Amino acid sequence: MKDDVRAEGGRSVSRRTVLAGTRVILGAGVAVAAASRADAQPSFTQGEAHYQTMPKDSFRCGMCGSFKPPNSCQLVKGIIAPSGWCMYFSLRD
């Protein structure tokens, strides 16, 4: 199959799987680059970031390096709950 890529161990991996993984990695890179700017302005809407007002597992915005107390974020526009979560979550150092 020409749409398959051989993975480690000889397994074939679909092009769709490879592209989905690449999209996740690139999305994380955008978030890291935006967070590293000293004058970073929120650039993602809550919908684009898949923001939710509830934590995901034990992760919540209040623990994220991009969270700015009391209720904002360096990456996501709008009011951000400390108990919320989005796909750009990055544990504070």
PDB file of N, CA and C in Angstrom:
ATOM      1  N   MET A   1       0.831  -1.183   0.000  1.00  0.00           N
ATOM      2  CA  MET A   1       0.000   0.000   0.000  1.00  0.00           C
ATOM      3  C   MET A   1       0.869   1.237   0.000  1.00  0.00           C
ATOM      4  N   LYS A   2       0.680   2.103  -0.959  1.00  0.00           N
ATOM      5  CA  LYS A   2       1.542   3.270  -1.040  1.00  0.00           C
ATOM      6  C   LYS A   2       1.195   4.353  -0.023  1.00  0.00           C
ATOM      7  N   ASP A   3       0.021   4.298   0.628  1.00  0.00           N
ATOM      8  CA  ASP A   3      -0.348   5.281   1.646  1.00  0.00           C
ATOM      9  C   ASP A   3       0.127   4.883   3.035  1.00  0.00           C
ATOM     10  N   ASP A   4       0.767   3.745   3.155  1.00  0.00           N
ATOM     11  CA  ASP A   4       1.254   3.287   4.448  1.00  0.00           C
ATOM     12  C   ASP A   4       2.748   3.556   4.589  1.00  0.00           C
ATOM     13  N   VAL A   5       3.159   3.778   5.813  1.00  0.00           N
ATOM     14  CA  VAL A   5       4.562   3.991   6.143  1.00  0.00           C
ATOM     15  C   VAL A   5       4.956   2.861   7.070  1.00  0.00           C
ATOM     16  N   ARG A   6       6.136   2.334   6.905  1.00  0.00           N
ATOM     17  CA  ARG A   6       6.597   1.261   7.775  1.00  0.00           C
ATOM     18  C   ARG A   6       7.149   1.852   9.062  1.00  0.00           C
ATOM     19  N   ALA A   7       6.606   1.419  10.173  1.00  0.00           N
ATOM     20  CA  ALA A   7       7.053   1.895  11.475  1.00  0.00           C
ATOM     21  C   ALA A   7       8.095   0.937  12.017  1.00  0.00           C
ATOM     22  N   GLU A   8       8.637   1.288  13.142  1.00  0.00           N
ATOM     23  CA  GLU A   8       9.593   0.443  13.828  1.00  0.00           C
ATOM     24  C   GLU A   8       8.978  -0.932  14.045  1.00  0.00           C
ATOM     25  N   GLY A   9       9.690  -1.968  13.772  1.00  0.00           N
ATOM     26  CA  GLY A   9       9.192  -3.319  13.936  1.00  0.00           C
ATOM     27  C   GLY A   9       8.452  -3.826  12.706  1.00  0.00           C
ATOM     28  N   GLY A  10       8.431  -3.045  11.617  1.00  0.00           N
ATOM     29  CA  GLY A  10       7.814  -3.488  10.387  1.00  0.00           C
ATOM     30  C   GLY A  10       6.319  -3.266  10.293  1.00  0.00           C
ATOM     31  N   ARG A  11       5.702  -2.732  11.336  1.00  0.00           N
ATOM     32  CA  ARG A  11       4.262  -2.465  11.281  1.00  0.00           C
ATOM     33  C   ARG A  11       4.003  -1.348  10.296  1.00  0.00           C
ATOM     34  N   SER A  12       2.853  -1.390   9.631  1.00  0.00           N
ATOM     35  CA  SER A  12       2.505  -0.286   8.744  1.00  0.00           C
ATOM     36  C   SER A  12       1.638   0.709   9.506  1.00  0.00           C
ATOM     37  N   VAL A  13       1.869   1.968   9.233  1.00  0.00           N
ATOM     38  CA  VAL A  13       1.135   3.055   9.858  1.00  0.00           C
ATOM     39  C   VAL A  13       0.532   3.886   8.738  1.00  0.00           C
ATOM     40  N   SER A  14      -0.737   4.192   8.862  1.00  0.00           N
ATOM     41  CA  SER A  14      -1.390   4.945   7.789  1.00  0.00           C
ATOM     42  C   SER A  14      -0.893   6.384   7.743  1.00  0.00           C
ATOM     43  N   ARG A  15      -0.997   6.965   6.590  1.00  0.00           N
ATOM     44  CA  ARG A  15      -0.618   8.359   6.410  1.00  0.00           C
ATOM     45  C   ARG A  15      -1.480   9.252   7.309  1.00  0.00           C
ATOM     46  N   ARG A  16      -2.745   8.899   7.476  1.00  0.00           N
ATOM     47  CA  ARG A  16      -3.654   9.670   8.329  1.00  0.00           C
ATOM     48  C   ARG A  16      -3.139   9.699   9.774  1.00  0.00           C
ATOM     49  N   THR A  17      -2.650   8.571  10.282  1.00  0.00           N
ATOM     50  CA  THR A  17      -2.122   8.509  11.644  1.00  0.00           C
ATOM     51  C   THR A  17      -0.885   9.386  11.783  1.00  0.00           C
ATOM     52  N   VAL A  18      -0.005   9.337  10.801  1.00  0.00           N
ATOM     53  CA  VAL A  18       1.211  10.152  10.836  1.00  0.00           C
ATOM     54  C   VAL A  18       0.861  11.634  10.806  1.00  0.00           C
ATOM     55  N   LEU A  19      -0.076  12.027   9.935  1.00  0.00           N
ATOM     56  CA  LEU A  19      -0.471  13.431   9.842  1.00  0.00           C
ATOM     57  C   LEU A  19      -1.172  13.908  11.113  1.00  0.00           C
ATOM     58  N   ALA A  20      -1.981  13.061  11.734  1.00  0.00           N
ATOM     59  CA  ALA A  20      -2.648  13.445  12.980  1.00  0.00           C
ATOM     60  C   ALA A  20      -1.618  13.709  14.070  1.00  0.00           C
ATOM     61  N   GLY A  21      -0.595  12.873  14.172  1.00  0.00           N
ATOM     62  CA  GLY A  21       0.466  13.083  15.156  1.00  0.00           C
ATOM     63  C   GLY A  21       1.253  14.349  14.881  1.00  0.00           C
ATOM     64  N   THR A  22       1.498  14.634  13.616  1.00  0.00           N
ATOM     65  CA  THR A  22       2.217  15.842  13.240  1.00  0.00           C
ATOM     66  C   THR A  22       1.426  17.083  13.622  1.00  0.00           C
ATOM     67  N   ARG A  23       0.101  17.050  13.416  1.00  0.00           N
ATOM     68  CA  ARG A  23      -0.752  18.192  13.750  1.00  0.00           C
ATOM     69  C   ARG A  23      -0.689  18.485  15.251  1.00  0.00           C
ATOM     70  N   VAL A  24      -0.686  17.438  16.087  1.00  0.00           N
ATOM     71  CA  VAL A  24      -0.603  17.630  17.533  1.00  0.00           C
ATOM     72  C   VAL A  24       0.731  18.255  17.908  1.00  0.00           C
ATOM     73  N   ILE A  25       1.806  17.772  17.330  1.00  0.00           N
ATOM     74  CA  ILE A  25       3.143  18.289  17.633  1.00  0.00           C
ATOM     75  C   ILE A  25       3.261  19.749  17.185  1.00  0.00           C
ATOM     76  N   LEU A  26       2.770  20.062  15.994  1.00  0.00           N
ATOM     77  CA  LEU A  26       2.835  21.439  15.507  1.00  0.00           C
ATOM     78  C   LEU A  26       1.986  22.368  16.359  1.00  0.00           C
ATOM     79  N   GLY A  27       0.815  21.911  16.790  1.00  0.00           N
ATOM     80  CA  GLY A  27      -0.044  22.717  17.654  1.00  0.00           C
ATOM     81  C   GLY A  27       0.635  23.033  18.968  1.00  0.00           C
ATOM     82  N   ALA A  28       1.317  22.056  19.537  1.00  0.00           N
ATOM     83  CA  ALA A  28       2.038  22.278  20.787  1.00  0.00           C
ATOM     84  C   ALA A  28       3.192  23.255  20.562  1.00  0.00           C
ATOM     85  N   GLY A  29       3.852  23.161  19.413  1.00  0.00           N
ATOM     86  CA  GLY A  29       4.942  24.087  19.100  1.00  0.00           C
ATOM     87  C   GLY A  29       4.462  25.518  18.989  1.00  0.00           C
ATOM     88  N   VAL A  30       3.299  25.714  18.406  1.00  0.00           N
ATOM     89  CA  VAL A  30       2.726  27.056  18.306  1.00  0.00           C
ATOM     90  C   VAL A  30       2.452  27.607  19.696  1.00  0.00           C
ATOM     91  N   ALA A  31       1.894  26.775  20.568  1.00  0.00           N
ATOM     92  CA  ALA A  31       1.586  27.217  21.928  1.00  0.00           C
ATOM     93  C   ALA A  31       2.855  27.586  22.685  1.00  0.00           C
ATOM     94  N   VAL A  32       3.898  26.785  22.556  1.00  0.00           N
ATOM     95  CA  VAL A  32       5.154  27.063  23.248  1.00  0.00           C
ATOM     96  C   VAL A  32       5.784  28.341  22.713  1.00  0.00           C
ATOM     97  N   ALA A  33       5.781  28.522  21.396  1.00  0.00           N
ATOM     98  CA  ALA A  33       6.361  29.726  20.806  1.00  0.00           C
ATOM     99  C   ALA A  33       5.600  30.967  21.260  1.00  0.00           C
ATOM    100  N   ALA A  34       4.299  30.889  21.290  1.00  0.00           N
ATOM    101  CA  ALA A  34       3.498  32.036  21.724  1.00  0.00           C
ATOM    102  C   ALA A  34       3.720  32.334  23.193  1.00  0.00           C
ATOM    103  N   ALA A  35       3.845  31.300  24.011  1.00  0.00           N
ATOM    104  CA  ALA A  35       4.035  31.498  25.445  1.00  0.00           C
ATOM    105  C   ALA A  35       5.409  32.072  25.758  1.00  0.00           C
ATOM    106  N   SER A  36       6.381  31.834  24.886  1.00  0.00           N
ATOM    107  CA  SER A  36       7.736  32.287  25.173  1.00  0.00           C
ATOM    108  C   SER A  36       7.947  33.769  24.865  1.00  0.00           C
ATOM    109  N   ARG A  37       7.026  34.385  24.118  1.00  0.00           N
ATOM    110  CA  ARG A  37       7.161  35.810  23.850  1.00  0.00           C
ATOM    111  C   ARG A  37       6.836  36.599  25.101  1.00  0.00           C
ATOM    112  N   ALA A  38       7.680  37.543  25.450  1.00  0.00           N
ATOM    113  CA  ALA A  38       7.469  38.340  26.656  1.00  0.00           C
ATOM    114  C   ALA A  38       6.187  39.148  26.578  1.00  0.00           C
ATOM    115  N   ASP A  39       5.848  39.623  25.390  1.00  0.00           N
ATOM    116  CA  ASP A  39       4.655  40.450  25.221  1.00  0.00           C
ATOM    117  C   ASP A  39       3.498  39.661  24.617  1.00  0.00           C
ATOM    118  N   ALA A  40       3.440  38.378  24.903  1.00  0.00           N
ATOM    119  CA  ALA A  40       2.428  37.517  24.299  1.00  0.00           C
ATOM    120  C   ALA A  40       1.016  37.978  24.618  1.00  0.00           C
ATOM    121  N   GLN A  41       0.238  38.113  23.573  1.00  0.00           N
ATOM    122  CA  GLN A  41      -1.176  38.446  23.701  1.00  0.00           C
ATOM    123  C   GLN A  41      -1.965  37.179  23.394  1.00  0.00           C
ATOM    124  N   PRO A  42      -3.082  36.969  24.070  1.00  0.00           N
ATOM    125  CA  PRO A  42      -3.887  35.784  23.759  1.00  0.00           C
ATOM    126  C   PRO A  42      -4.245  35.774  22.283  1.00  0.00           C
ATOM    127  N   SER A  43      -4.049  34.643  21.630  1.00  0.00           N
ATOM    128  CA  SER A  43      -4.305  34.585  20.202  1.00  0.00           C
ATOM    129  C   SER A  43      -5.306  33.506  19.814  1.00  0.00           C
ATOM    130  N   PHE A  44      -5.657  32.612  20.728  1.00  0.00           N
ATOM    131  CA  PHE A  44      -6.593  31.543  20.418  1.00  0.00           C
ATOM    132  C   PHE A  44      -7.940  31.830  21.076  1.00  0.00           C
ATOM    133  N   THR A  45      -9.018  31.560  20.353  1.00  0.00           N
ATOM    134  CA  THR A  45     -10.331  31.658  20.973  1.00  0.00           C
ATOM    135  C   THR A  45     -10.510  30.443  21.875  1.00  0.00           C
ATOM    136  N   GLN A  46     -11.466  30.527  22.762  1.00  0.00           N
ATOM    137  CA  GLN A  46     -11.723  29.387  23.645  1.00  0.00           C
ATOM    138  C   GLN A  46     -12.137  28.159  22.840  1.00  0.00           C
ATOM    139  N   GLY A  47     -12.858  28.362  21.766  1.00  0.00           N
ATOM    140  CA  GLY A  47     -13.254  27.246  20.907  1.00  0.00           C
ATOM    141  C   GLY A  47     -12.060  26.597  20.221  1.00  0.00           C
ATOM    142  N   GLU A  48     -11.143  27.405  19.704  1.00  0.00           N
ATOM    143  CA  GLU A  48      -9.949  26.869  19.038  1.00  0.00           C
ATOM    144  C   GLU A  48      -9.088  26.068  20.007  1.00  0.00           C
ATOM    145  N   ALA A  49      -9.050  26.498  21.264  1.00  0.00           N
ATOM    146  CA  ALA A  49      -8.227  25.826  22.270  1.00  0.00           C
ATOM    147  C   ALA A  49      -8.957  24.673  22.945  1.00  0.00           C
ATOM    148  N   HIS A  50     -10.194  24.446  22.559  1.00  0.00           N
ATOM    149  CA  HIS A  50     -11.030  23.416  23.193  1.00  0.00           C
ATOM    150  C   HIS A  50     -11.096  23.635  24.707  1.00  0.00           C
ATOM    151  N   TYR A  51     -11.211  24.910  25.090  1.00  0.00           N
ATOM    152  CA  TYR A  51     -11.281  25.281  26.502  1.00  0.00           C
ATOM    153  C   TYR A  51     -12.572  24.749  27.128  1.00  0.00           C
ATOM    154  N   GLN A  52     -12.439  24.266  28.350  1.00  0.00           N
ATOM    155  CA  GLN A  52     -13.592  23.836  29.132  1.00  0.00           C
ATOM    156  C   GLN A  52     -13.439  24.379  30.538  1.00  0.00           C
ATOM    157  N   THR A  53     -14.542  24.644  31.207  1.00  0.00           N
ATOM    158  CA  THR A  53     -14.497  25.243  32.545  1.00  0.00           C
ATOM    159  C   THR A  53     -14.211  24.232  33.638  1.00  0.00           C
ATOM    160  N   MET A  54     -14.099  22.976  33.288  1.00  0.00           N
ATOM    161  CA  MET A  54     -13.795  21.917  34.259  1.00  0.00           C
ATOM    162  C   MET A  54     -12.402  21.365  33.983  1.00  0.00           C
ATOM    163  N   PRO A  55     -11.721  20.839  35.024  1.00  0.00           N
ATOM    164  CA  PRO A  55     -10.385  20.263  34.801  1.00  0.00           C
ATOM    165  C   PRO A  55     -10.458  18.999  33.951  1.00  0.00           C
ATOM    166  N   LYS A  56      -9.334  18.614  33.392  1.00  0.00           N
ATOM    167  CA  LYS A  56      -9.225  17.332  32.690  1.00  0.00           C
ATOM    168  C   LYS A  56      -8.327  16.452  33.539  1.00  0.00           C
ATOM    169  N   ASP A  57      -8.905  15.398  34.063  1.00  0.00           N
ATOM    170  CA  ASP A  57      -8.225  14.545  35.036  1.00  0.00           C
ATOM    171  C   ASP A  57      -7.770  15.440  36.193  1.00  0.00           C
ATOM    172  N   SER A  58      -6.499  15.465  36.502  1.00  0.00           N
ATOM    173  CA  SER A  58      -6.034  16.309  37.608  1.00  0.00           C
ATOM    174  C   SER A  58      -5.414  17.611  37.105  1.00  0.00           C
ATOM    175  N   PHE A  59      -5.518  17.883  35.806  1.00  0.00           N
ATOM    176  CA  PHE A  59      -4.915  19.080  35.227  1.00  0.00           C
ATOM    177  C   PHE A  59      -5.938  20.206  35.129  1.00  0.00           C
ATOM    178  N   ARG A  60      -5.519  21.407  35.540  1.00  0.00           N
ATOM    179  CA  ARG A  60      -6.399  22.568  35.478  1.00  0.00           C
ATOM    180  C   ARG A  60      -5.575  23.808  35.168  1.00  0.00           C
ATOM    181  N   CYS A  61      -6.236  24.836  34.668  1.00  0.00           N
ATOM    182  CA  CYS A  61      -5.554  26.054  34.237  1.00  0.00           C
ATOM    183  C   CYS A  61      -4.673  26.671  35.323  1.00  0.00           C
ATOM    184  N   GLY A  62      -5.105  26.619  36.570  1.00  0.00           N
ATOM    185  CA  GLY A  62      -4.334  27.195  37.662  1.00  0.00           C
ATOM    186  C   GLY A  62      -2.943  26.596  37.793  1.00  0.00           C
ATOM    187  N   MET A  63      -2.718  25.419  37.227  1.00  0.00           N
ATOM    188  CA  MET A  63      -1.419  24.743  37.271  1.00  0.00           C
ATOM    189  C   MET A  63      -0.584  25.011  36.023  1.00  0.00           C
ATOM    190  N   CYS A  64      -1.160  25.707  35.044  1.00  0.00           N
ATOM    191  CA  CYS A  64      -0.531  25.892  33.736  1.00  0.00           C
ATOM    192  C   CYS A  64       0.412  27.092  33.741  1.00  0.00           C
ATOM    193  N   GLY A  65       1.493  26.986  33.012  1.00  0.00           N
ATOM    194  CA  GLY A  65       2.460  28.065  32.904  1.00  0.00           C
ATOM    195  C   GLY A  65       1.935  29.280  32.151  1.00  0.00           C
ATOM    196  N   SER A  66       0.869  29.121  31.383  1.00  0.00           N
ATOM    197  CA  SER A  66       0.301  30.237  30.631  1.00  0.00           C
ATOM    198  C   SER A  66      -0.815  30.958  31.389  1.00  0.00           C
ATOM    199  N   PHE A  67      -1.243  30.410  32.518  1.00  0.00           N
ATOM    200  CA  PHE A  67      -2.332  31.020  33.285  1.00  0.00           C
ATOM    201  C   PHE A  67      -1.846  32.285  33.982  1.00  0.00           C
ATOM    202  N   LYS A  68      -2.672  33.341  33.911  1.00  0.00           N
ATOM    203  CA  LYS A  68      -2.354  34.608  34.576  1.00  0.00           C
ATOM    204  C   LYS A  68      -3.468  34.898  35.584  1.00  0.00           C
ATOM    205  N   PRO A  69      -3.182  34.714  36.881  1.00  0.00           N
ATOM    206  CA  PRO A  69      -4.212  34.955  37.900  1.00  0.00           C
ATOM    207  C   PRO A  69      -4.731  36.380  37.813  1.00  0.00           C
ATOM    208  N   PRO A  70      -5.960  36.643  38.131  1.00  0.00           N
ATOM    209  CA  PRO A  70      -6.905  35.680  38.687  1.00  0.00           C
ATOM    210  C   PRO A  70      -7.681  34.899  37.647  1.00  0.00           C
ATOM    211  N   ASN A  71      -7.826  35.405  36.393  1.00  0.00           N
ATOM    212  CA  ASN A  71      -8.686  34.680  35.457  1.00  0.00           C
ATOM    213  C   ASN A  71      -8.375  34.943  33.983  1.00  0.00           C
ATOM    214  N   SER A  72      -7.095  34.927  33.610  1.00  0.00           N
ATOM    215  CA  SER A  72      -6.750  35.102  32.201  1.00  0.00           C
ATOM    216  C   SER A  72      -5.606  34.176  31.803  1.00  0.00           C
ATOM    217  N   CYS A  73      -5.296  34.176  30.519  1.00  0.00           N
ATOM    218  CA  CYS A  73      -4.296  33.262  29.967  1.00  0.00           C
ATOM    219  C   CYS A  73      -3.474  34.000  28.915  1.00  0.00           C
ATOM    220  N   GLN A  74      -2.217  33.637  28.782  1.00  0.00           N
ATOM    221  CA  GLN A  74      -1.348  34.231  27.770  1.00  0.00           C
ATOM    222  C   GLN A  74      -1.696  33.738  26.371  1.00  0.00           C
ATOM    223  N   LEU A  75      -2.382  32.606  26.262  1.00  0.00           N
ATOM    224  CA  LEU A  75      -2.661  32.011  24.958  1.00  0.00           C
ATOM    225  C   LEU A  75      -4.118  32.078  24.530  1.00  0.00           C
ATOM    226  N   VAL A  76      -5.030  31.994  25.496  1.00  0.00           N
ATOM    227  CA  VAL A  76      -6.456  31.873  25.186  1.00  0.00           C
ATOM    228  C   VAL A  76      -7.188  33.143  25.590  1.00  0.00           C
ATOM    229  N   LYS A  77      -8.002  33.658  24.689  1.00  0.00           N
ATOM    230  CA  LYS A  77      -8.753  34.891  24.930  1.00  0.00           C
ATOM    231  C   LYS A  77      -9.918  34.648  25.891  1.00  0.00           C
ATOM    232  N   GLY A  78     -10.314  35.698  26.586  1.00  0.00           N
ATOM    233  CA  GLY A  78     -11.511  35.653  27.416  1.00  0.00           C
ATOM    234  C   GLY A  78     -11.212  35.354  28.876  1.00  0.00           C
ATOM    235  N   ILE A  79     -12.277  35.220  29.639  1.00  0.00           N
ATOM    236  CA  ILE A  79     -12.164  34.898  31.062  1.00  0.00           C
ATOM    237  C   ILE A  79     -11.881  33.406  31.190  1.00  0.00           C
ATOM    238  N   ILE A  80     -10.814  33.085  31.920  1.00  0.00           N
ATOM    239  CA  ILE A  80     -10.366  31.702  32.088  1.00  0.00           C
ATOM    240  C   ILE A  80     -10.486  31.320  33.562  1.00  0.00           C
ATOM    241  N   ALA A  81     -11.206  30.257  33.832  1.00  0.00           N
ATOM    242  CA  ALA A  81     -11.377  29.777  35.203  1.00  0.00           C
ATOM    243  C   ALA A  81     -10.125  29.014  35.637  1.00  0.00           C
ATOM    244  N   PRO A  82      -9.633  29.246  36.860  1.00  0.00           N
ATOM    245  CA  PRO A  82      -8.474  28.493  37.343  1.00  0.00           C
ATOM    246  C   PRO A  82      -8.733  26.984  37.362  1.00  0.00           C
ATOM    247  N   SER A  83      -9.999  26.597  37.433  1.00  0.00           N
ATOM    248  CA  SER A  83     -10.345  25.177  37.457  1.00  0.00           C
ATOM    249  C   SER A  83     -10.586  24.617  36.060  1.00  0.00           C
ATOM    250  N   GLY A  84     -10.412  25.434  35.004  1.00  0.00           N
ATOM    251  CA  GLY A  84     -10.649  25.000  33.635  1.00  0.00           C
ATOM    252  C   GLY A  84      -9.470  24.239  33.049  1.00  0.00           C
ATOM    253  N   TRP A  85      -9.548  23.956  31.748  1.00  0.00           N
ATOM    254  CA  TRP A  85      -8.485  23.229  31.037  1.00  0.00           C
ATOM    255  C   TRP A  85      -8.637  23.494  29.545  1.00  0.00           C
ATOM    256  N   CYS A  86      -7.519  23.485  28.795  1.00  0.00           N
ATOM    257  CA  CYS A  86      -7.570  23.537  27.328  1.00  0.00           C
ATOM    258  C   CYS A  86      -6.451  22.671  26.763  1.00  0.00           C
ATOM    259  N   MET A  87      -6.478  22.497  25.460  1.00  0.00           N
ATOM    260  CA  MET A  87      -5.507  21.601  24.806  1.00  0.00           C
ATOM    261  C   MET A  87      -4.075  22.145  24.827  1.00  0.00           C
ATOM    262  N   TYR A  88      -3.891  23.410  25.200  1.00  0.00           N
ATOM    263  CA  TYR A  88      -2.550  23.986  25.274  1.00  0.00           C
ATOM    264  C   TYR A  88      -1.977  23.931  26.688  1.00  0.00           C
ATOM    265  N   PHE A  89      -2.591  23.156  27.553  1.00  0.00           N
ATOM    266  CA  PHE A  89      -2.127  23.029  28.930  1.00  0.00           C
ATOM    267  C   PHE A  89      -0.654  22.624  28.957  1.00  0.00           C
ATOM    268  N   SER A  90       0.111  23.312  29.786  1.00  0.00           N
ATOM    269  CA  SER A  90       1.526  22.992  29.979  1.00  0.00           C
ATOM    270  C   SER A  90       1.845  23.222  31.447  1.00  0.00           C
ATOM    271  N   LEU A  91       2.223  22.185  32.131  1.00  0.00           N
ATOM    272  CA  LEU A  91       2.487  22.258  33.564  1.00  0.00           C
ATOM    273  C   LEU A  91       3.544  23.308  33.867  1.00  0.00           C
ATOM    274  N   ARG A  92       3.243  24.176  34.804  1.00  0.00           N
ATOM    275  CA  ARG A  92       4.151  25.248  35.219  1.00  0.00           C
ATOM    276  C   ARG A  92       5.446  24.646  35.744  1.00  0.00           C
ATOM    277  N   ASP A  93       6.576  25.296  35.433  1.00  0.00           N
ATOM    278  CA  ASP A  93       7.885  24.829  35.925  1.00  0.00           C
ATOM    279  C   ASP A  93       8.016  25.011  37.407  1.00  0.00           C
TER     280      ASP A  93
END
